[in-house]
PDB file of all heavy atoms in Angstrom:
ATOM      1  N   ILE A   1     -18.321   3.260 -19.333  1.00  0.00           N
ATOM      2  CA  ILE A   1     -18.177   1.999 -18.612  1.00  0.00           C
ATOM      3  C   ILE A   1     -16.897   1.777 -17.894  1.00  0.00           C
ATOM      4  O   ILE A   1     -16.799   1.350 -16.809  1.00  0.00           O
ATOM      5  CB  ILE A   1     -18.539   0.796 -19.613  1.00  0.00           C
ATOM      6  CG1 ILE A   1     -20.015   0.855 -20.024  1.00  0.00           C
ATOM      7  CG2 ILE A   1     -18.261  -0.502 -18.994  1.00  0.00           C
ATOM      8  CD1 ILE A   1     -20.266  -0.100 -21.213  1.00  0.00           C
ATOM      9  N   SER A   2     -15.776   2.232 -18.682  1.00  0.00           N
ATOM     10  CA  SER A   2     -14.493   2.116 -18.014  1.00  0.00           C
ATOM     11  C   SER A   2     -14.323   3.057 -16.843  1.00  0.00           C
ATOM     12  O   SER A   2     -13.787   2.660 -15.889  1.00  0.00           O
ATOM     13  CB  SER A   2     -13.431   2.529 -19.061  1.00  0.00           C
ATOM     14  OG  SER A   2     -13.528   1.573 -20.140  1.00  0.00           O
ATOM     15  N   ALA A   3     -14.925   4.206 -16.969  1.00  0.00           N
ATOM     16  CA  ALA A   3     -14.873   5.168 -15.778  1.00  0.00           C
ATOM     17  C   ALA A   3     -15.611   4.638 -14.631  1.00  0.00           C
ATOM     18  O   ALA A   3     -14.986   4.675 -13.495  1.00  0.00           O
ATOM     19  CB  ALA A   3     -15.370   6.518 -16.274  1.00  0.00           C
ATOM     20  N   TRP A   4     -16.725   4.208 -14.815  1.00  0.00           N
ATOM     21  CA  TRP A   4     -17.548   3.629 -13.695  1.00  0.00           C
ATOM     22  C   TRP A   4     -16.829   2.412 -13.093  1.00  0.00           C
ATOM     23  O   TRP A   4     -16.831   2.104 -11.922  1.00  0.00           O
ATOM     24  CB  TRP A   4     -18.989   3.267 -14.110  1.00  0.00           C
ATOM     25  CG  TRP A   4     -19.841   4.519 -14.185  1.00  0.00           C
ATOM     26  CD1 TRP A   4     -20.253   5.107 -15.269  1.00  0.00           C
ATOM     27  CD2 TRP A   4     -20.268   5.333 -13.078  1.00  0.00           C
ATOM     28  NE1 TRP A   4     -20.998   6.215 -14.976  1.00  0.00           N
ATOM     29  CE2 TRP A   4     -21.013   6.418 -13.628  1.00  0.00           C
ATOM     30  CE3 TRP A   4     -20.096   5.262 -11.717  1.00  0.00           C
ATOM     31  CZ2 TRP A   4     -21.572   7.382 -12.836  1.00  0.00           C
ATOM     32  CZ3 TRP A   4     -20.643   6.227 -10.967  1.00  0.00           C
ATOM     33  CH2 TRP A   4     -21.384   7.294 -11.444  1.00  0.00           C
ATOM     34  N   ALA A   5     -16.245   1.580 -13.880  1.00  0.00           N
ATOM     35  CA  ALA A   5     -15.530   0.370 -13.412  1.00  0.00           C
ATOM     36  C   ALA A   5     -14.309   0.765 -12.612  1.00  0.00           C
ATOM     37  O   ALA A   5     -14.081   0.157 -11.590  1.00  0.00           O
ATOM     38  CB  ALA A   5     -15.088  -0.494 -14.681  1.00  0.00           C
ATOM     39  N   ALA A   6     -13.686   1.799 -13.033  1.00  0.00           N
ATOM     40  CA  ALA A   6     -12.514   2.277 -12.195  1.00  0.00           C
ATOM     41  C   ALA A   6     -12.980   2.838 -10.881  1.00  0.00           C
ATOM     42  O   ALA A   6     -12.323   2.654  -9.767  1.00  0.00           O
ATOM     43  CB  ALA A   6     -11.737   3.391 -12.959  1.00  0.00           C
ATOM     44  N   MET A   7     -14.075   3.533 -10.812  1.00  0.00           N
ATOM     45  CA  MET A   7     -14.594   3.987  -9.520  1.00  0.00           C
ATOM     46  C   MET A   7     -15.077   2.998  -8.648  1.00  0.00           C
ATOM     47  O   MET A   7     -14.920   3.095  -7.421  1.00  0.00           O
ATOM     48  CB  MET A   7     -15.690   5.137  -9.821  1.00  0.00           C
ATOM     49  CG  MET A   7     -15.145   6.366 -10.416  1.00  0.00           C
ATOM     50  SD  MET A   7     -16.444   7.714 -10.569  1.00  0.00           S
ATOM     51  CE  MET A   7     -17.448   7.081 -11.827  1.00  0.00           C
ATOM     52  N   ILE A   8     -15.596   1.987  -9.121  1.00  0.00           N
ATOM     53  CA  ILE A   8     -16.084   0.880  -8.367  1.00  0.00           C
ATOM     54  C   ILE A   8     -14.960   0.001  -7.832  1.00  0.00           C
ATOM     55  O   ILE A   8     -14.955  -0.647  -6.790  1.00  0.00           O
ATOM     56  CB  ILE A   8     -17.089  -0.002  -9.132  1.00  0.00           C
ATOM     57  CG1 ILE A   8     -18.427   0.804  -9.316  1.00  0.00           C
ATOM     58  CG2 ILE A   8     -17.411  -1.279  -8.414  1.00  0.00           C
ATOM     59  CD1 ILE A   8     -19.361   0.219 -10.269  1.00  0.00           C
ATOM     60  N   ALA A   9     -13.846  -0.082  -8.592  1.00  0.00           N
ATOM     61  CA  ALA A   9     -12.681  -0.916  -8.245  1.00  0.00           C
ATOM     62  C   ALA A   9     -11.895  -0.432  -7.017  1.00  0.00           C
ATOM     63  O   ALA A   9     -11.429  -1.297  -6.181  1.00  0.00           O
ATOM     64  CB  ALA A   9     -11.682  -0.956  -9.399  1.00  0.00           C
ATOM     65  N   VAL A  10     -11.887   0.864  -6.784  1.00  0.00           N
ATOM     66  CA  VAL A  10     -11.213   1.422  -5.580  1.00  0.00           C
ATOM     67  C   VAL A  10     -11.797   0.962  -4.320  1.00  0.00           C
ATOM     68  O   VAL A  10     -11.138   0.400  -3.416  1.00  0.00           O
ATOM     69  CB  VAL A  10     -11.117   2.918  -5.683  1.00  0.00           C
ATOM     70  CG1 VAL A  10     -10.482   3.573  -4.442  1.00  0.00           C
ATOM     71  CG2 VAL A  10     -10.196   3.309  -6.849  1.00  0.00           C
ATOM     72  N   PRO A  11     -13.081   1.207  -4.025  1.00  0.00           N
ATOM     73  CA  PRO A  11     -13.652   0.677  -2.780  1.00  0.00           C
ATOM     74  C   PRO A  11     -13.606  -0.825  -2.635  1.00  0.00           C
ATOM     75  O   PRO A  11     -13.434  -1.328  -1.561  1.00  0.00           O
ATOM     76  CB  PRO A  11     -15.092   1.254  -2.726  1.00  0.00           C
ATOM     77  CG  PRO A  11     -15.332   1.967  -4.028  1.00  0.00           C
ATOM     78  CD  PRO A  11     -14.072   1.995  -4.765  1.00  0.00           C
ATOM     79  N   THR A  12     -13.754  -1.440  -3.786  1.00  0.00           N
ATOM     80  CA  THR A  12     -13.648  -2.894  -3.731  1.00  0.00           C
ATOM     81  C   THR A  12     -12.327  -3.441  -3.319  1.00  0.00           C
ATOM     82  O   THR A  12     -12.186  -4.358  -2.451  1.00  0.00           O
ATOM     83  CB  THR A  12     -14.020  -3.526  -5.186  1.00  0.00           C
ATOM     84  OG1 THR A  12     -15.301  -3.091  -5.536  1.00  0.00           O
ATOM     85  CG2 THR A  12     -13.980  -5.071  -5.166  1.00  0.00           C
ATOM     86  N   LEU A  13     -11.316  -2.777  -3.749  1.00  0.00           N
ATOM     87  CA  LEU A  13      -9.922  -3.153  -3.338  1.00  0.00           C
ATOM     88  C   LEU A  13      -9.754  -2.913  -1.860  1.00  0.00           C
ATOM     89  O   LEU A  13      -9.187  -3.796  -1.171  1.00  0.00           O
ATOM     90  CB  LEU A  13      -8.966  -2.309  -4.159  1.00  0.00           C
ATOM     91  CG  LEU A  13      -7.454  -2.398  -3.707  1.00  0.00           C
ATOM     92  CD1 LEU A  13      -6.878  -3.767  -4.030  1.00  0.00           C
ATOM     93  CD2 LEU A  13      -6.625  -1.336  -4.317  1.00  0.00           C
ATOM     94  N   VAL A  14     -10.092  -1.756  -1.363  1.00  0.00           N
ATOM     95  CA  VAL A  14      -9.924  -1.486   0.079  1.00  0.00           C
ATOM     96  C   VAL A  14     -10.801  -2.435   0.892  1.00  0.00           C
ATOM     97  O   VAL A  14     -10.314  -3.032   1.944  1.00  0.00           O
ATOM     98  CB  VAL A  14     -10.284  -0.024   0.402  1.00  0.00           C
ATOM     99  CG1 VAL A  14     -10.238   0.252   1.885  1.00  0.00           C
ATOM    100  CG2 VAL A  14      -9.323   0.908  -0.379  1.00  0.00           C
ATOM    101  N   ALA A  15     -12.046  -2.668   0.550  1.00  0.00           N
ATOM    102  CA  ALA A  15     -12.866  -3.583   1.297  1.00  0.00           C
ATOM    103  C   ALA A  15     -12.385  -4.974   1.192  1.00  0.00           C
ATOM    104  O   ALA A  15     -12.473  -5.737   2.192  1.00  0.00           O
ATOM    105  CB  ALA A  15     -14.277  -3.504   0.683  1.00  0.00           C
ATOM    106  N   GLY A  16     -11.790  -5.454   0.136  1.00  0.00           N
ATOM    107  CA  GLY A  16     -11.151  -6.709   0.014  1.00  0.00           C
ATOM    108  C   GLY A  16     -10.001  -6.901   0.915  1.00  0.00           C
ATOM    109  O   GLY A  16      -9.909  -8.021   1.559  1.00  0.00           O
ATOM    110  N   ILE A  17      -9.164  -5.900   1.054  1.00  0.00           N
ATOM    111  CA  ILE A  17      -8.058  -6.058   1.925  1.00  0.00           C
ATOM    112  C   ILE A  17      -8.596  -6.087   3.368  1.00  0.00           C
ATOM    113  O   ILE A  17      -8.097  -6.954   4.192  1.00  0.00           O
ATOM    114  CB  ILE A  17      -7.101  -4.847   1.834  1.00  0.00           C
ATOM    115  CG1 ILE A  17      -6.438  -4.915   0.515  1.00  0.00           C
ATOM    116  CG2 ILE A  17      -6.077  -4.806   2.906  1.00  0.00           C
ATOM    117  CD1 ILE A  17      -5.693  -3.744  -0.002  1.00  0.00           C
ATOM    118  N   TYR A  18      -9.537  -5.291   3.816  1.00  0.00           N
ATOM    119  CA  TYR A  18     -10.119  -5.434   5.176  1.00  0.00           C
ATOM    120  C   TYR A  18     -10.852  -6.731   5.404  1.00  0.00           C
ATOM    121  O   TYR A  18     -10.940  -7.181   6.426  1.00  0.00           O
ATOM    122  CB  TYR A  18     -11.071  -4.239   5.338  1.00  0.00           C
ATOM    123  CG  TYR A  18     -10.262  -3.037   5.955  1.00  0.00           C
ATOM    124  CD1 TYR A  18      -9.619  -2.243   5.170  1.00  0.00           C
ATOM    125  CD2 TYR A  18     -10.272  -2.789   7.367  1.00  0.00           C
ATOM    126  CE1 TYR A  18      -8.875  -1.131   5.627  1.00  0.00           C
ATOM    127  CE2 TYR A  18      -9.586  -1.670   7.876  1.00  0.00           C
ATOM    128  CZ  TYR A  18      -8.913  -0.853   7.007  1.00  0.00           C
ATOM    129  OH  TYR A  18      -8.241   0.201   7.509  1.00  0.00           O
ATOM    130  N   GLY A  19     -11.351  -7.251   4.299  1.00  0.00           N
ATOM    131  CA  GLY A  19     -12.150  -8.471   4.387  1.00  0.00           C
ATOM    132  C   GLY A  19     -11.358  -9.715   4.648  1.00  0.00           C
ATOM    133  O   GLY A  19     -11.846 -10.825   4.813  1.00  0.00           O
ATOM    134  N   MET A  20      -9.965  -9.611   4.444  1.00  0.00           N
ATOM    135  CA  MET A  20      -9.092 -10.794   4.567  1.00  0.00           C
ATOM    136  C   MET A  20      -8.913 -11.249   6.025  1.00  0.00           C
ATOM    137  O   MET A  20      -8.376 -12.229   6.263  1.00  0.00           O
ATOM    138  CB  MET A  20      -7.759 -10.447   3.937  1.00  0.00           C
ATOM    139  CG  MET A  20      -7.755 -10.471   2.457  1.00  0.00           C
ATOM    140  SD  MET A  20      -6.079 -10.462   1.888  1.00  0.00           S
ATOM    141  CE  MET A  20      -6.137  -9.030   0.804  1.00  0.00           C
ATOM    142  N   SER A  21      -9.402 -10.459   6.988  1.00  0.00           N
ATOM    143  CA  SER A  21      -9.322 -10.717   8.400  1.00  0.00           C
ATOM    144  C   SER A  21      -7.841 -10.902   8.845  1.00  0.00           C
ATOM    145  O   SER A  21      -7.497 -11.827   9.546  1.00  0.00           O
ATOM    146  CB  SER A  21     -10.102 -12.022   8.763  1.00  0.00           C
ATOM    147  OG  SER A  21     -11.409 -11.825   8.549  1.00  0.00           O
ATOM    148  N   LEU A  22      -7.016 -10.062   8.383  1.00  0.00           N
ATOM    149  CA  LEU A  22      -5.584 -10.072   8.792  1.00  0.00           C
ATOM    150  C   LEU A  22      -5.449  -9.467  10.170  1.00  0.00           C
ATOM    151  O   LEU A  22      -6.162  -8.569  10.518  1.00  0.00           O
ATOM    152  CB  LEU A  22      -4.787  -9.264   7.738  1.00  0.00           C
ATOM    153  CG  LEU A  22      -4.778  -9.729   6.335  1.00  0.00           C
ATOM    154  CD1 LEU A  22      -4.097  -8.892   5.423  1.00  0.00           C
ATOM    155  CD2 LEU A  22      -4.247 -11.205   6.268  1.00  0.00           C
ATOM    156  N   ARG A  23      -4.574  -9.958  11.012  1.00  0.00           N
ATOM    157  CA  ARG A  23      -4.359  -9.449  12.302  1.00  0.00           C
ATOM    158  C   ARG A  23      -3.474  -8.180  12.299  1.00  0.00           C
ATOM    159  O   ARG A  23      -3.544  -7.358  13.217  1.00  0.00           O
ATOM    160  CB  ARG A  23      -3.648 -10.510  13.134  1.00  0.00           C
ATOM    161  CG  ARG A  23      -4.582 -11.634  13.550  1.00  0.00           C
ATOM    162  CD  ARG A  23      -3.980 -12.519  14.636  1.00  0.00           C
ATOM    163  NE  ARG A  23      -2.631 -13.015  14.170  1.00  0.00           N
ATOM    164  CZ  ARG A  23      -1.726 -13.322  15.050  1.00  0.00           C
ATOM    165  NH1 ARG A  23      -1.940 -13.316  16.311  1.00  0.00           N
ATOM    166  NH2 ARG A  23      -0.517 -13.792  14.630  1.00  0.00           N
ATOM    167  N   HIS A  24      -2.730  -7.956  11.206  1.00  0.00           N
ATOM    168  CA  HIS A  24      -1.696  -6.874  11.301  1.00  0.00           C
ATOM    169  C   HIS A  24      -1.992  -5.751  10.373  1.00  0.00           C
ATOM    170  O   HIS A  24      -1.121  -5.093   9.868  1.00  0.00           O
ATOM    171  CB  HIS A  24      -0.362  -7.392  11.055  1.00  0.00           C
ATOM    172  CG  HIS A  24       0.065  -8.522  12.070  1.00  0.00           C
ATOM    173  ND1 HIS A  24       0.314  -8.162  13.433  1.00  0.00           N
ATOM    174  CD2 HIS A  24       0.306  -9.754  11.928  1.00  0.00           C
ATOM    175  CE1 HIS A  24       0.619  -9.231  14.015  1.00  0.00           C
ATOM    176  NE2 HIS A  24       0.629 -10.229  13.186  1.00  0.00           N
ATOM    177  N   VAL A  25      -3.254  -5.548  10.044  1.00  0.00           N
ATOM    178  CA  VAL A  25      -3.652  -4.375   9.274  1.00  0.00           C
ATOM    179  C   VAL A  25      -3.597  -3.220  10.261  1.00  0.00           C
ATOM    180  O   VAL A  25      -4.265  -3.161  11.266  1.00  0.00           O
ATOM    181  CB  VAL A  25      -5.057  -4.454   8.630  1.00  0.00           C
ATOM    182  CG1 VAL A  25      -5.479  -3.240   7.971  1.00  0.00           C
ATOM    183  CG2 VAL A  25      -5.119  -5.647   7.730  1.00  0.00           C
ATOM    184  N   PRO A  26      -2.704  -2.185   9.965  1.00  0.00           N
ATOM    185  CA  PRO A  26      -2.418  -1.153  10.910  1.00  0.00           C
ATOM    186  C   PRO A  26      -3.673  -0.384  11.412  1.00  0.00           C
ATOM    187  O   PRO A  26      -3.802  -0.078  12.611  1.00  0.00           O
ATOM    188  CB  PRO A  26      -1.545  -0.162  10.147  1.00  0.00           C
ATOM    189  CG  PRO A  26      -0.952  -0.928   9.109  1.00  0.00           C
ATOM    190  CD  PRO A  26      -1.957  -1.932   8.728  1.00  0.00           C
ATOM    191  N   GLN A  27      -4.666  -0.126  10.570  1.00  0.00           N
ATOM    192  CA  GLN A  27      -5.814   0.696  10.998  1.00  0.00           C
ATOM    193  C   GLN A  27      -6.721  -0.062  11.883  1.00  0.00           C
ATOM    194  O   GLN A  27      -7.647   0.537  12.505  1.00  0.00           O
ATOM    195  CB  GLN A  27      -6.639   1.113   9.747  1.00  0.00           C
ATOM    196  CG  GLN A  27      -5.844   2.103   8.965  1.00  0.00           C
ATOM    197  CD  GLN A  27      -4.868   1.462   7.928  1.00  0.00           C
ATOM    198  OE1 GLN A  27      -4.838   0.297   7.784  1.00  0.00           O
ATOM    199  NE2 GLN A  27      -4.071   2.275   7.327  1.00  0.00           N
ATOM    200  N   LEU A  28      -6.627  -1.377  12.086  1.00  0.00           N
ATOM    201  CA  LEU A  28      -7.546  -2.153  12.901  1.00  0.00           C
ATOM    202  C   LEU A  28      -7.428  -1.817  14.293  1.00  0.00           C
ATOM    203  O   LEU A  28      -8.429  -1.816  15.134  1.00  0.00           O
ATOM    204  CB  LEU A  28      -7.372  -3.646  12.665  1.00  0.00           C
ATOM    205  CG  LEU A  28      -7.816  -4.168  11.307  1.00  0.00           C
ATOM    206  CD1 LEU A  28      -7.587  -5.650  11.215  1.00  0.00           C
ATOM    207  CD2 LEU A  28      -9.358  -3.837  11.104  1.00  0.00           C
ATOM    208  N   SER A  29      -6.260  -1.470  14.775  1.00  0.00           N
ATOM    209  CA  SER A  29      -6.038  -1.097  16.207  1.00  0.00           C
ATOM    210  C   SER A  29      -6.295   0.392  16.381  1.00  0.00           C
ATOM    211  O   SER A  29      -6.335   0.847  17.643  1.00  0.00           O
ATOM    212  CB  SER A  29      -4.670  -1.448  16.613  1.00  0.00           C
ATOM    213  OG  SER A  29      -3.718  -0.788  15.896  1.00  0.00           O
ATOM    214  N   TRP A  30      -6.441   1.167  15.447  1.00  0.00           N
ATOM    215  CA  TRP A  30      -6.727   2.626  15.660  1.00  0.00           C
ATOM    216  C   TRP A  30      -8.192   2.827  16.009  1.00  0.00           C
ATOM    217  O   TRP A  30      -9.086   2.129  15.582  1.00  0.00           O
ATOM    218  CB  TRP A  30      -6.472   3.393  14.329  1.00  0.00           C
ATOM    219  CG  TRP A  30      -4.976   3.358  13.884  1.00  0.00           C
ATOM    220  CD1 TRP A  30      -3.993   2.813  14.541  1.00  0.00           C
ATOM    221  CD2 TRP A  30      -4.547   3.934  12.618  1.00  0.00           C
ATOM    222  NE1 TRP A  30      -2.841   2.988  13.771  1.00  0.00           N
ATOM    223  CE2 TRP A  30      -3.140   3.652  12.609  1.00  0.00           C
ATOM    224  CE3 TRP A  30      -5.153   4.428  11.589  1.00  0.00           C
ATOM    225  CZ2 TRP A  30      -2.330   4.013  11.623  1.00  0.00           C
ATOM    226  CZ3 TRP A  30      -4.325   4.893  10.548  1.00  0.00           C
ATOM    227  CH2 TRP A  30      -3.014   4.605  10.489  1.00  0.00           C
ATOM    228  N   THR A  31      -8.444   3.888  16.812  1.00  0.00           N
ATOM    229  CA  THR A  31      -9.781   4.190  17.189  1.00  0.00           C
ATOM    230  C   THR A  31     -10.674   4.482  15.911  1.00  0.00           C
ATOM    231  O   THR A  31     -11.772   4.119  15.932  1.00  0.00           O
ATOM    232  CB  THR A  31      -9.812   5.471  18.146  1.00  0.00           C
ATOM    233  OG1 THR A  31      -8.949   5.064  19.312  1.00  0.00           O
ATOM    234  CG2 THR A  31     -11.070   5.719  18.621  1.00  0.00           C
ATOM    235  N   PHE A  32     -10.100   5.320  15.056  1.00  0.00           N
ATOM    236  CA  PHE A  32     -10.871   5.781  13.826  1.00  0.00           C
ATOM    237  C   PHE A  32     -10.466   5.045  12.634  1.00  0.00           C
ATOM    238  O   PHE A  32     -10.622   5.562  11.507  1.00  0.00           O
ATOM    239  CB  PHE A  32     -10.830   7.283  13.689  1.00  0.00           C
ATOM    240  CG  PHE A  32     -11.394   7.982  14.881  1.00  0.00           C
ATOM    241  CD1 PHE A  32     -10.588   8.636  15.775  1.00  0.00           C
ATOM    242  CD2 PHE A  32     -12.766   8.100  15.096  1.00  0.00           C
ATOM    243  CE1 PHE A  32     -11.102   9.384  16.897  1.00  0.00           C
ATOM    244  CE2 PHE A  32     -13.322   8.688  16.177  1.00  0.00           C
ATOM    245  CZ  PHE A  32     -12.492   9.399  17.047  1.00  0.00           C
ATOM    246  N   GLY A  33      -9.892   3.839  12.682  1.00  0.00           N
ATOM    247  CA  GLY A  33      -9.394   3.116  11.562  1.00  0.00           C
ATOM    248  C   GLY A  33     -10.453   2.795  10.552  1.00  0.00           C
ATOM    249  O   GLY A  33     -10.245   2.986   9.292  1.00  0.00           O
ATOM    250  N   TYR A  34     -11.629   2.340  10.947  1.00  0.00           N
ATOM    251  CA  TYR A  34     -12.674   1.978  10.068  1.00  0.00           C
ATOM    252  C   TYR A  34     -13.244   3.249   9.429  1.00  0.00           C
ATOM    253  O   TYR A  34     -13.464   3.241   8.158  1.00  0.00           O
ATOM    254  CB  TYR A  34     -13.797   1.267  10.846  1.00  0.00           C
ATOM    255  CG  TYR A  34     -14.877   0.745  10.004  1.00  0.00           C
ATOM    256  CD1 TYR A  34     -14.641  -0.316   9.153  1.00  0.00           C
ATOM    257  CD2 TYR A  34     -16.131   1.250  10.009  1.00  0.00           C
ATOM    258  CE1 TYR A  34     -15.631  -0.787   8.279  1.00  0.00           C
ATOM    259  CE2 TYR A  34     -17.203   0.793   9.174  1.00  0.00           C
ATOM    260  CZ  TYR A  34     -16.910  -0.253   8.287  1.00  0.00           C
ATOM    261  OH  TYR A  34     -17.889  -0.748   7.601  1.00  0.00           O
ATOM    262  N   ALA A  35     -13.403   4.360  10.219  1.00  0.00           N
ATOM    263  CA  ALA A  35     -13.859   5.616   9.591  1.00  0.00           C
ATOM    264  C   ALA A  35     -12.879   6.070   8.528  1.00  0.00           C
ATOM    265  O   ALA A  35     -13.239   6.639   7.477  1.00  0.00           O
ATOM    266  CB  ALA A  35     -14.135   6.580  10.672  1.00  0.00           C
ATOM    267  N   LEU A  36     -11.546   5.931   8.821  1.00  0.00           N
ATOM    268  CA  LEU A  36     -10.538   6.350   7.899  1.00  0.00           C
ATOM    269  C   LEU A  36     -10.573   5.596   6.700  1.00  0.00           C
ATOM    270  O   LEU A  36     -10.415   6.156   5.506  1.00  0.00           O
ATOM    271  CB  LEU A  36      -9.171   6.234   8.571  1.00  0.00           C
ATOM    272  CG  LEU A  36      -7.948   6.655   7.674  1.00  0.00           C
ATOM    273  CD1 LEU A  36      -8.026   8.175   7.461  1.00  0.00           C
ATOM    274  CD2 LEU A  36      -6.682   6.254   8.357  1.00  0.00           C
ATOM    275  N   ALA A  37     -10.845   4.283   6.777  1.00  0.00           N
ATOM    276  CA  ALA A  37     -10.908   3.501   5.517  1.00  0.00           C
ATOM    277  C   ALA A  37     -12.154   3.895   4.703  1.00  0.00           C
ATOM    278  O   ALA A  37     -12.026   4.005   3.446  1.00  0.00           O
ATOM    279  CB  ALA A  37     -11.037   1.945   5.932  1.00  0.00           C
ATOM    280  N   LEU A  38     -13.360   4.151   5.321  1.00  0.00           N
ATOM    281  CA  LEU A  38     -14.498   4.544   4.572  1.00  0.00           C
ATOM    282  C   LEU A  38     -14.211   5.942   3.942  1.00  0.00           C
ATOM    283  O   LEU A  38     -14.634   6.197   2.777  1.00  0.00           O
ATOM    284  CB  LEU A  38     -15.641   4.651   5.532  1.00  0.00           C
ATOM    285  CG  LEU A  38     -16.279   3.339   6.074  1.00  0.00           C
ATOM    286  CD1 LEU A  38     -17.328   3.557   6.986  1.00  0.00           C
ATOM    287  CD2 LEU A  38     -16.765   2.541   4.824  1.00  0.00           C
ATOM    288  N   LEU A  39     -13.544   6.794   4.620  1.00  0.00           N
ATOM    289  CA  LEU A  39     -13.170   8.219   4.055  1.00  0.00           C
ATOM    290  C   LEU A  39     -12.259   8.043   2.927  1.00  0.00           C
ATOM    291  O   LEU A  39     -12.410   8.732   1.890  1.00  0.00           O
ATOM    292  CB  LEU A  39     -12.608   9.030   5.206  1.00  0.00           C
ATOM    293  CG  LEU A  39     -12.336  10.393   4.867  1.00  0.00           C
ATOM    294  CD1 LEU A  39     -13.669  11.180   4.532  1.00  0.00           C
ATOM    295  CD2 LEU A  39     -11.624  11.124   5.942  1.00  0.00           C
ATOM    296  N   LEU A  40     -11.274   7.113   2.934  1.00  0.00           N
ATOM    297  CA  LEU A  40     -10.389   6.879   1.899  1.00  0.00           C
ATOM    298  C   LEU A  40     -11.126   6.316   0.663  1.00  0.00           C
ATOM    299  O   LEU A  40     -10.832   6.825  -0.438  1.00  0.00           O
ATOM    300  CB  LEU A  40      -9.329   5.905   2.363  1.00  0.00           C
ATOM    301  CG  LEU A  40      -8.427   5.343   1.265  1.00  0.00           C
ATOM    302  CD1 LEU A  40      -7.414   6.414   0.896  1.00  0.00           C
ATOM    303  CD2 LEU A  40      -7.673   4.110   1.734  1.00  0.00           C
ATOM    304  N   MET A  41     -12.062   5.427   0.871  1.00  0.00           N
ATOM    305  CA  MET A  41     -12.791   4.832  -0.323  1.00  0.00           C
ATOM    306  C   MET A  41     -13.652   5.944  -0.903  1.00  0.00           C
ATOM    307  O   MET A  41     -13.713   6.076  -2.116  1.00  0.00           O
ATOM    308  CB  MET A  41     -13.663   3.809   0.213  1.00  0.00           C
ATOM    309  CG  MET A  41     -12.922   2.508   0.531  1.00  0.00           C
ATOM    310  SD  MET A  41     -14.016   1.034   0.853  1.00  0.00           S
ATOM    311  CE  MET A  41     -14.171   1.257   2.683  1.00  0.00           C
ATOM    312  N   ALA A  42     -14.318   6.763  -0.044  1.00  0.00           N
ATOM    313  CA  ALA A  42     -15.226   7.776  -0.583  1.00  0.00           C
ATOM    314  C   ALA A  42     -14.349   8.863  -1.331  1.00  0.00           C
ATOM    315  O   ALA A  42     -14.717   9.396  -2.429  1.00  0.00           O
ATOM    316  CB  ALA A  42     -16.058   8.473   0.459  1.00  0.00           C
ATOM    317  N   GLY A  43     -13.306   9.324  -0.674  1.00  0.00           N
ATOM    318  CA  GLY A  43     -12.389  10.252  -1.289  1.00  0.00           C
ATOM    319  C   GLY A  43     -11.768   9.851  -2.647  1.00  0.00           C
ATOM    320  O   GLY A  43     -11.805  10.691  -3.609  1.00  0.00           O
ATOM    321  N   ALA A  44     -11.337   8.611  -2.689  1.00  0.00           N
ATOM    322  CA  ALA A  44     -10.696   8.181  -3.933  1.00  0.00           C
ATOM    323  C   ALA A  44     -11.817   8.049  -4.979  1.00  0.00           C
ATOM    324  O   ALA A  44     -11.475   8.406  -6.149  1.00  0.00           O
ATOM    325  CB  ALA A  44     -10.057   6.748  -3.630  1.00  0.00           C
ATOM    326  N   SER A  45     -12.954   7.599  -4.650  1.00  0.00           N
ATOM    327  CA  SER A  45     -14.076   7.484  -5.625  1.00  0.00           C
ATOM    328  C   SER A  45     -14.482   8.845  -6.148  1.00  0.00           C
ATOM    329  O   SER A  45     -14.706   9.094  -7.371  1.00  0.00           O
ATOM    330  CB  SER A  45     -15.232   6.706  -5.052  1.00  0.00           C
ATOM    331  OG  SER A  45     -14.904   5.408  -4.756  1.00  0.00           O
TER     332      SER A  45
END
């Protein structure tokens, strides 16, 4: 249960930061920023 909770927490953290609708998140202006975030979540998990 602890292992699964840790694996679920990583993408939740990244998605939570992106969900704040901040104007100055660096990856938002990048062409592949969203894909990079998804790759980061999948890689970390």
